Amino acid sequence: TSRMSAYFSAGMFSVREALRKVVDYNRGSTDFTESKASGGVYSWVQEIVFRELYRQHTVCVPHTSMNLPQNLKFNSV
């Protein structure tokens, strides 16, 4: 891991800034597939994107972080 999560959470460094730096490091390319970027870059971008996806999902569907199903009609199953 990059140990950047605390900085992202505190707003000291944005995900957009981080990805911009990664694009610069990747010679201006936004192709982060395993074949085009180094393994470390690919994994790091994947972690950052998943983190943001999970954050957005918990904002939209907060009960999933409370160990409840996404669709509440299945709560009693």
Foldseek 3Di string as FASTA:
>chain_A
DPPCVVCCVVVVAHPVNVLVVLCVVLVNDPPLDPVRDPPVSNVVVVVSVVVVVVVVVCVVQVCVVVVADSDNVPRVD
